[in-house]
Amino acid sequence: MVSLLAAALMCISAAAGFGSAACAKQVSNVDTGTSRAYAKAIAESAVLTDDQEDPMEALMEMLFGPDSGYSSGDDSVGNTVSFETTDLDGNPVSSSELFRGKKVTVINFWATWCPHCVDELPALQELHKELEANGCQVIGICEDADTSAEEAKRILSENGVTYTNIALEQEMYPMMPHKYLPTTYFVDSEGKILTKPVSGADFEQYEEKLAEALAIVGE
């Protein structure tokens, strides 16, 4: 099952031209204890204002207010990421623990319903293995772990992923804003954002930003 929010996000993505079939699929998968019609209504009620060009922006502002954290994240360079959450088994995890002793951490936001996110998991695992030898790492933040942790673990296992994956917390959005999935950030051992994030599954950009990040930390 997917969360109501995930279904609504898929619906508004469909409205933006990403495919109505995806919307229908996600709405049909909403937990039966939740009104499927309500998920669709959320998306349809996100009306663009004069200063908004993106339907997703309207939805996120409606759900979470003007400080929803929905932006490209390009202006987040230099900000410090700090959070507490859980891994996919429910064990508490803090950003300080995750980043400590790592020159650069590659933070990949993904979701079980995002095909491009899932497709790049094997390559991210290979990148993680390469980075480990240089004191760096990849971690994943699963955006629908609150409702799909078991599905996330199944997907990770099937793709041979061994790097740490954690659950999304709402407090992460203002610190690491993003419009699309996957989105990938690069931070140092203290959680400082080193480069602009990469939107979409683009390993050429990952390599460029990683090289930039390593240069900043003196590698």
C-alpha atoms as a PDB file:
ATOM      1  CA  MET A   1       0.000   0.000   0.000  1.00  0.00           C
ATOM      2  CA  VAL A   2       1.104   3.560  -0.581  1.00  0.00           C
ATOM      3  CA  SER A   3       0.393   6.576   1.569  1.00  0.00           C
ATOM      4  CA  LEU A   4      -2.354   9.038   0.782  1.00  0.00           C
ATOM      5  CA  LEU A   5       0.283  11.697   0.205  1.00  0.00           C
ATOM      6  CA  ALA A   6       2.187   9.482  -2.229  1.00  0.00           C
ATOM      7  CA  ALA A   7      -0.984   8.882  -4.203  1.00  0.00           C
ATOM      8  CA  ALA A   8      -1.766  12.584  -4.282  1.00  0.00           C
ATOM      9  CA  LEU A   9       1.750  13.390  -5.428  1.00  0.00           C
ATOM     10  CA  MET A  10       1.424  10.896  -8.254  1.00  0.00           C
ATOM     11  CA  CYS A  11      -1.905  12.430  -9.239  1.00  0.00           C
ATOM     12  CA  ILE A  12      -0.514  15.931  -9.439  1.00  0.00           C
ATOM     13  CA  SER A  13       2.446  14.573 -11.397  1.00  0.00           C
ATOM     14  CA  ALA A  14      -0.065  13.172 -13.851  1.00  0.00           C
ATOM     15  CA  ALA A  15      -1.684  16.583 -14.079  1.00  0.00           C
ATOM     16  CA  ALA A  16       1.724  17.994 -14.930  1.00  0.00           C
ATOM     17  CA  GLY A  17       1.962  15.568 -17.834  1.00  0.00           C
ATOM     18  CA  PHE A  18       3.729  12.575 -16.295  1.00  0.00           C
ATOM     19  CA  GLY A  19       0.925  10.109 -17.029  1.00  0.00           C
ATOM     20  CA  SER A  20      -2.600   9.664 -15.733  1.00  0.00           C
ATOM     21  CA  ALA A  21      -2.083   5.889 -15.545  1.00  0.00           C
ATOM     22  CA  ALA A  22       0.406   6.385 -12.713  1.00  0.00           C
ATOM     23  CA  CYS A  23      -2.168   8.464 -10.860  1.00  0.00           C
ATOM     24  CA  ALA A  24      -4.874   5.839 -11.272  1.00  0.00           C
ATOM     25  CA  LYS A  25      -2.540   3.082 -10.102  1.00  0.00           C
ATOM     26  CA  GLN A  26      -1.464   4.940  -6.993  1.00  0.00           C
ATOM     27  CA  VAL A  27      -4.992   5.959  -6.025  1.00  0.00           C
ATOM     28  CA  SER A  28      -6.132   2.340  -6.402  1.00  0.00           C
ATOM     29  CA  ASN A  29      -3.338   1.265  -4.050  1.00  0.00           C
ATOM     30  CA  VAL A  30      -4.248   3.603  -1.206  1.00  0.00           C
ATOM     31  CA  ASP A  31      -5.047   1.717   1.980  1.00  0.00           C
ATOM     32  CA  THR A  32      -8.706   0.729   1.967  1.00  0.00           C
ATOM     33  CA  GLY A  33      -9.068   2.466   5.332  1.00  0.00           C
ATOM     34  CA  THR A  34      -8.452   5.739   3.505  1.00  0.00           C
ATOM     35  CA  SER A  35     -10.723   7.325   0.964  1.00  0.00           C
ATOM     36  CA  ARG A  36      -9.267   6.810  -2.485  1.00  0.00           C
ATOM     37  CA  ALA A  37     -11.472   9.595  -3.757  1.00  0.00           C
ATOM     38  CA  TYR A  38      -9.910  11.904  -1.183  1.00  0.00           C
ATOM     39  CA  ALA A  39      -6.437  11.295  -2.579  1.00  0.00           C
ATOM     40  CA  LYS A  40      -7.634  12.253  -6.036  1.00  0.00           C
ATOM     41  CA  ALA A  41      -9.462  15.271  -4.648  1.00  0.00           C
ATOM     42  CA  ILE A  42      -6.286  16.501  -2.976  1.00  0.00           C
ATOM     43  CA  ALA A  43      -4.478  16.539  -6.287  1.00  0.00           C
ATOM     44  CA  GLU A  44      -7.340  18.106  -8.184  1.00  0.00           C
ATOM     45  CA  SER A  45      -7.783  20.877  -5.614  1.00  0.00           C
ATOM     46  CA  ALA A  46      -4.181  22.056  -5.890  1.00  0.00           C
ATOM     47  CA  VAL A  47      -4.870  25.137  -8.005  1.00  0.00           C
ATOM     48  CA  LEU A  48      -1.970  27.150  -9.387  1.00  0.00           C
ATOM     49  CA  THR A  49      -1.600  30.735  -8.201  1.00  0.00           C
ATOM     50  CA  ASP A  50      -0.249  33.545 -10.372  1.00  0.00           C
ATOM     51  CA  ASP A  51       3.300  33.066  -9.071  1.00  0.00           C
ATOM     52  CA  GLN A  52       3.356  29.275  -9.417  1.00  0.00           C
ATOM     53  CA  GLU A  53       4.336  27.454 -12.608  1.00  0.00           C
ATOM     54  CA  ASP A  54       4.537  23.952 -11.158  1.00  0.00           C
ATOM     55  CA  PRO A  55       1.387  21.986 -10.158  1.00  0.00           C
ATOM     56  CA  MET A  56       3.438  20.076  -7.563  1.00  0.00           C
ATOM     57  CA  GLU A  57       4.307  23.357  -5.868  1.00  0.00           C
ATOM     58  CA  ALA A  58       0.614  24.130  -5.474  1.00  0.00           C
ATOM     59  CA  LEU A  59      -0.046  20.709  -3.947  1.00  0.00           C
ATOM     60  CA  MET A  60       2.857  20.881  -1.497  1.00  0.00           C
ATOM     61  CA  GLU A  61       1.901  24.390  -0.383  1.00  0.00           C
ATOM     62  CA  MET A  62      -1.693  23.312   0.114  1.00  0.00           C
ATOM     63  CA  LEU A  63      -0.655  20.289   2.196  1.00  0.00           C
ATOM     64  CA  PHE A  64       2.232  21.755   4.188  1.00  0.00           C
ATOM     65  CA  GLY A  65       2.040  25.534   3.785  1.00  0.00           C
ATOM     66  CA  PRO A  66       4.410  27.987   2.081  1.00  0.00           C
ATOM     67  CA  ASP A  67       7.407  26.564   3.989  1.00  0.00           C
ATOM     68  CA  SER A  68       6.898  23.033   2.660  1.00  0.00           C
ATOM     69  CA  GLY A  69      10.485  22.853   1.429  1.00  0.00           C
ATOM     70  CA  TYR A  70       9.355  22.291  -2.129  1.00  0.00           C
ATOM     71  CA  SER A  71      12.138  23.828  -4.215  1.00  0.00           C
ATOM     72  CA  SER A  72      15.070  22.672  -6.320  1.00  0.00           C
ATOM     73  CA  GLY A  73      17.453  22.972  -3.358  1.00  0.00           C
ATOM     74  CA  ASP A  74      19.999  24.954  -5.387  1.00  0.00           C
ATOM     75  CA  ASP A  75      20.139  27.619  -2.676  1.00  0.00           C
ATOM     76  CA  SER A  76      20.798  25.098   0.112  1.00  0.00           C
ATOM     77  CA  VAL A  77      24.584  24.918  -0.426  1.00  0.00           C
ATOM     78  CA  GLY A  78      26.358  25.679   2.843  1.00  0.00           C
ATOM     79  CA  ASN A  79      23.373  24.755   5.014  1.00  0.00           C
ATOM     80  CA  THR A  80      23.802  22.066   7.650  1.00  0.00           C
ATOM     81  CA  VAL A  81      21.642  18.944   7.714  1.00  0.00           C
ATOM     82  CA  SER A  82      20.655  17.644  11.153  1.00  0.00           C
ATOM     83  CA  PHE A  83      17.868  15.151  11.866  1.00  0.00           C
ATOM     84  CA  GLU A  84      16.689  12.153  13.858  1.00  0.00           C
ATOM     85  CA  THR A  85      14.760   9.340  12.222  1.00  0.00           C
ATOM     86  CA  THR A  86      14.698   5.538  12.047  1.00  0.00           C
ATOM     87  CA  ASP A  87      16.081   2.916   9.732  1.00  0.00           C
ATOM     88  CA  LEU A  88      13.655   0.675   7.847  1.00  0.00           C
ATOM     89  CA  ASP A  89      13.472  -1.680  10.827  1.00  0.00           C
ATOM     90  CA  GLY A  90      12.399   1.123  13.154  1.00  0.00           C
ATOM     91  CA  ASN A  91      15.741   1.561  14.931  1.00  0.00           C
ATOM     92  CA  PRO A  92      16.603   5.168  15.865  1.00  0.00           C
ATOM     93  CA  VAL A  93      19.210   6.878  13.703  1.00  0.00           C
ATOM     94  CA  SER A  94      20.690  10.384  13.846  1.00  0.00           C
ATOM     95  CA  SER A  95      22.419  12.379  11.140  1.00  0.00           C
ATOM     96  CA  SER A  96      25.448  12.917  13.372  1.00  0.00           C
ATOM     97  CA  GLU A  97      25.908   9.146  13.662  1.00  0.00           C
ATOM     98  CA  LEU A  98      25.454   8.627   9.939  1.00  0.00           C
ATOM     99  CA  PHE A  99      27.863  11.337   8.801  1.00  0.00           C
ATOM    100  CA  ARG A 100      30.552  10.993  11.468  1.00  0.00           C
ATOM    101  CA  GLY A 101      33.929  10.009  10.050  1.00  0.00           C
ATOM    102  CA  LYS A 102      32.747  10.144   6.434  1.00  0.00           C
ATOM    103  CA  LYS A 103      34.441  12.657   4.147  1.00  0.00           C
ATOM    104  CA  VAL A 104      31.407  12.849   1.874  1.00  0.00           C
ATOM    105  CA  THR A 105      27.993  11.252   2.203  1.00  0.00           C
ATOM    106  CA  VAL A 106      25.828  10.901  -0.893  1.00  0.00           C
ATOM    107  CA  ILE A 107      22.178  11.213   0.212  1.00  0.00           C
ATOM    108  CA  ASN A 108      19.704   9.728  -2.261  1.00  0.00           C
ATOM    109  CA  PHE A 109      15.991  10.483  -1.845  1.00  0.00           C
ATOM    110  CA  TRP A 110      13.839   7.748  -3.389  1.00  0.00           C
ATOM    111  CA  ALA A 111      10.503   5.973  -3.081  1.00  0.00           C
ATOM    112  CA  THR A 112       9.198   2.498  -3.802  1.00  0.00           C
ATOM    113  CA  TRP A 113       6.702   3.872  -6.351  1.00  0.00           C
ATOM    114  CA  CYS A 114       9.398   5.723  -8.314  1.00  0.00           C
ATOM    115  CA  PRO A 115      10.663   3.495 -11.185  1.00  0.00           C
ATOM    116  CA  HIS A 116      13.714   5.655 -11.965  1.00  0.00           C
ATOM    117  CA  CYS A 117      14.689   5.512  -8.288  1.00  0.00           C
ATOM    118  CA  VAL A 118      14.492   1.728  -8.225  1.00  0.00           C
ATOM    119  CA  ASP A 119      16.301   1.342 -11.541  1.00  0.00           C
ATOM    120  CA  GLU A 120      19.384   3.189 -10.291  1.00  0.00           C
ATOM    121  CA  LEU A 121      19.733   1.230  -7.017  1.00  0.00           C
ATOM    122  CA  PRO A 122      22.283  -1.335  -8.352  1.00  0.00           C
ATOM    123  CA  ALA A 123      24.480   1.458  -9.714  1.00  0.00           C
ATOM    124  CA  LEU A 124      24.231   3.338  -6.422  1.00  0.00           C
ATOM    125  CA  GLN A 125      25.323   0.173  -4.614  1.00  0.00           C
ATOM    126  CA  GLU A 126      28.387  -0.034  -6.865  1.00  0.00           C
ATOM    127  CA  LEU A 127      29.113   3.622  -6.198  1.00  0.00           C
ATOM    128  CA  HIS A 128      28.828   2.988  -2.463  1.00  0.00           C
ATOM    129  CA  LYS A 129      31.353   0.158  -2.671  1.00  0.00           C
ATOM    130  CA  GLU A 130      33.797   2.436  -4.500  1.00  0.00           C
ATOM    131  CA  LEU A 131      33.274   5.287  -2.041  1.00  0.00           C
ATOM    132  CA  GLU A 132      33.757   3.114   1.047  1.00  0.00           C
ATOM    133  CA  ALA A 133      37.404   2.624   0.089  1.00  0.00           C
ATOM    134  CA  ASN A 134      37.855   6.397   0.200  1.00  0.00           C
ATOM    135  CA  GLY A 135      36.070   7.042   3.491  1.00  0.00           C
ATOM    136  CA  CYS A 136      32.792   8.100   1.866  1.00  0.00           C
ATOM    137  CA  GLN A 137      29.355   6.508   1.556  1.00  0.00           C
ATOM    138  CA  VAL A 138      25.888   6.447   0.029  1.00  0.00           C
ATOM    139  CA  ILE A 139      22.740   6.482   2.158  1.00  0.00           C
ATOM    140  CA  GLY A 140      19.137   6.292   0.990  1.00  0.00           C
ATOM    141  CA  ILE A 141      16.138   8.164   2.365  1.00  0.00           C
ATOM    142  CA  CYS A 142      12.934   6.326   1.489  1.00  0.00           C
ATOM    143  CA  GLU A 143      10.073   8.786   1.176  1.00  0.00           C
ATOM    144  CA  ASP A 144       7.286   6.248   1.688  1.00  0.00           C
ATOM    145  CA  ALA A 145       8.926   4.187   4.423  1.00  0.00           C
ATOM    146  CA  ASP A 146       6.136   5.152   6.814  1.00  0.00           C
ATOM    147  CA  THR A 147       3.718   2.936   4.884  1.00  0.00           C
ATOM    148  CA  SER A 148       5.973   0.794   2.691  1.00  0.00           C
ATOM    149  CA  ALA A 149       9.002  -0.172   4.778  1.00  0.00           C
ATOM    150  CA  GLU A 150       8.643  -3.878   4.023  1.00  0.00           C
ATOM    151  CA  GLU A 151       8.271  -3.184   0.318  1.00  0.00           C
ATOM    152  CA  ALA A 152      11.325  -0.923   0.462  1.00  0.00           C
ATOM    153  CA  LYS A 153      13.359  -3.645   2.162  1.00  0.00           C
ATOM    154  CA  ARG A 154      12.249  -6.159  -0.456  1.00  0.00           C
ATOM    155  CA  ILE A 155      13.268  -3.849  -3.302  1.00  0.00           C
ATOM    156  CA  LEU A 156      16.622  -3.096  -1.697  1.00  0.00           C
ATOM    157  CA  SER A 157      17.316  -6.780  -1.142  1.00  0.00           C
ATOM    158  CA  GLU A 158      16.387  -7.720  -4.711  1.00  0.00           C
ATOM    159  CA  ASN A 159      18.794  -5.067  -5.992  1.00  0.00           C
ATOM    160  CA  GLY A 160      21.653  -6.124  -3.726  1.00  0.00           C
ATOM    161  CA  VAL A 161      21.695  -2.850  -1.779  1.00  0.00           C
ATOM    162  CA  THR A 162      23.654  -2.968   1.482  1.00  0.00           C
ATOM    163  CA  TYR A 163      24.119   0.746   2.198  1.00  0.00           C
ATOM    164  CA  THR A 164      22.062   2.355   4.948  1.00  0.00           C
ATOM    165  CA  ASN A 165      18.485   3.340   4.188  1.00  0.00           C
ATOM    166  CA  ILE A 166      16.382   5.449   6.521  1.00  0.00           C
ATOM    167  CA  ALA A 167      12.856   6.815   6.741  1.00  0.00           C
ATOM    168  CA  LEU A 168      11.892  10.308   5.644  1.00  0.00           C
ATOM    169  CA  GLU A 169      10.951  12.784   8.357  1.00  0.00           C
ATOM    170  CA  GLN A 170       9.065  15.983   7.552  1.00  0.00           C
ATOM    171  CA  GLU A 171      11.856  18.082   9.119  1.00  0.00           C
ATOM    172  CA  MET A 172      14.169  16.982   6.302  1.00  0.00           C
ATOM    173  CA  TYR A 173      12.274  18.898   3.603  1.00  0.00           C
ATOM    174  CA  PRO A 174      13.363  22.435   4.596  1.00  0.00           C
ATOM    175  CA  MET A 175      16.966  21.257   5.033  1.00  0.00           C
ATOM    176  CA  MET A 176      17.134  19.298   1.783  1.00  0.00           C
ATOM    177  CA  PRO A 177      14.319  20.614  -0.414  1.00  0.00           C
ATOM    178  CA  HIS A 178      13.563  18.844  -3.663  1.00  0.00           C
ATOM    179  CA  LYS A 179      10.979  18.860  -6.413  1.00  0.00           C
ATOM    180  CA  TYR A 180      11.560  15.449  -7.934  1.00  0.00           C
ATOM    181  CA  LEU A 181      12.605  11.884  -7.189  1.00  0.00           C
ATOM    182  CA  PRO A 182      15.254  10.768  -7.165  1.00  0.00           C
ATOM    183  CA  THR A 183      17.134  13.775  -5.773  1.00  0.00           C
ATOM    184  CA  THR A 184      20.664  13.429  -4.465  1.00  0.00           C
ATOM    185  CA  TYR A 185      22.602  15.617  -2.018  1.00  0.00           C
ATOM    186  CA  PHE A 186      26.293  15.659  -1.050  1.00  0.00           C
ATOM    187  CA  VAL A 187      27.297  16.536   2.531  1.00  0.00           C
ATOM    188  CA  ASP A 188      30.461  16.439   4.637  1.00  0.00           C
ATOM    189  CA  SER A 189      31.099  14.730   7.987  1.00  0.00           C
ATOM    190  CA  GLU A 190      29.259  17.507   9.833  1.00  0.00           C
ATOM    191  CA  GLY A 191      26.248  17.484   7.521  1.00  0.00           C
ATOM    192  CA  LYS A 192      27.191  20.621   5.573  1.00  0.00           C
ATOM    193  CA  ILE A 193      25.736  20.616   2.065  1.00  0.00           C
ATOM    194  CA  LEU A 194      28.696  20.894  -0.298  1.00  0.00           C
ATOM    195  CA  THR A 195      27.152  21.229  -3.777  1.00  0.00           C
ATOM    196  CA  LYS A 196      23.872  21.823  -5.514  1.00  0.00           C
ATOM    197  CA  PRO A 197      21.747  18.659  -5.494  1.00  0.00           C
ATOM    198  CA  VAL A 198      21.157  16.482  -8.536  1.00  0.00           C
ATOM    199  CA  SER A 199      17.537  16.065  -9.626  1.00  0.00           C
ATOM    200  CA  GLY A 200      16.849  12.833 -11.471  1.00  0.00           C
ATOM    201  CA  ALA A 201      18.892   9.676 -11.998  1.00  0.00           C
ATOM    202  CA  ASP A 202      21.970  11.158 -13.670  1.00  0.00           C
ATOM    203  CA  PHE A 203      25.252   9.405 -12.880  1.00  0.00           C
ATOM    204  CA  GLU A 204      27.277  11.821 -14.971  1.00  0.00           C
ATOM    205  CA  GLN A 205      26.091  14.623 -12.703  1.00  0.00           C
ATOM    206  CA  TYR A 206      26.643  12.440  -9.632  1.00  0.00           C
ATOM    207  CA  GLU A 207      30.275  12.023 -10.625  1.00  0.00           C
ATOM    208  CA  GLU A 208      30.681  15.751 -11.290  1.00  0.00           C
ATOM    209  CA  LYS A 209      29.143  16.761  -7.965  1.00  0.00           C
ATOM    210  CA  LEU A 210      31.074  14.070  -6.109  1.00  0.00           C
ATOM    211  CA  ALA A 211      34.338  15.342  -7.565  1.00  0.00           C
ATOM    212  CA  GLU A 212      33.340  18.863  -6.563  1.00  0.00           C
ATOM    213  CA  ALA A 213      32.475  17.732  -3.052  1.00  0.00           C
ATOM    214  CA  LEU A 214      35.723  15.817  -2.614  1.00  0.00           C
ATOM    215  CA  ALA A 215      37.689  18.870  -3.766  1.00  0.00           C
ATOM    216  CA  ILE A 216      35.931  20.992  -1.156  1.00  0.00           C
ATOM    217  CA  VAL A 217      36.843  18.595   1.666  1.00  0.00           C
ATOM    218  CA  GLY A 218      40.423  18.444   0.425  1.00  0.00           C
ATOM    219  CA  GLU A 219      40.512  15.126  -1.394  1.00  0.00           C
END
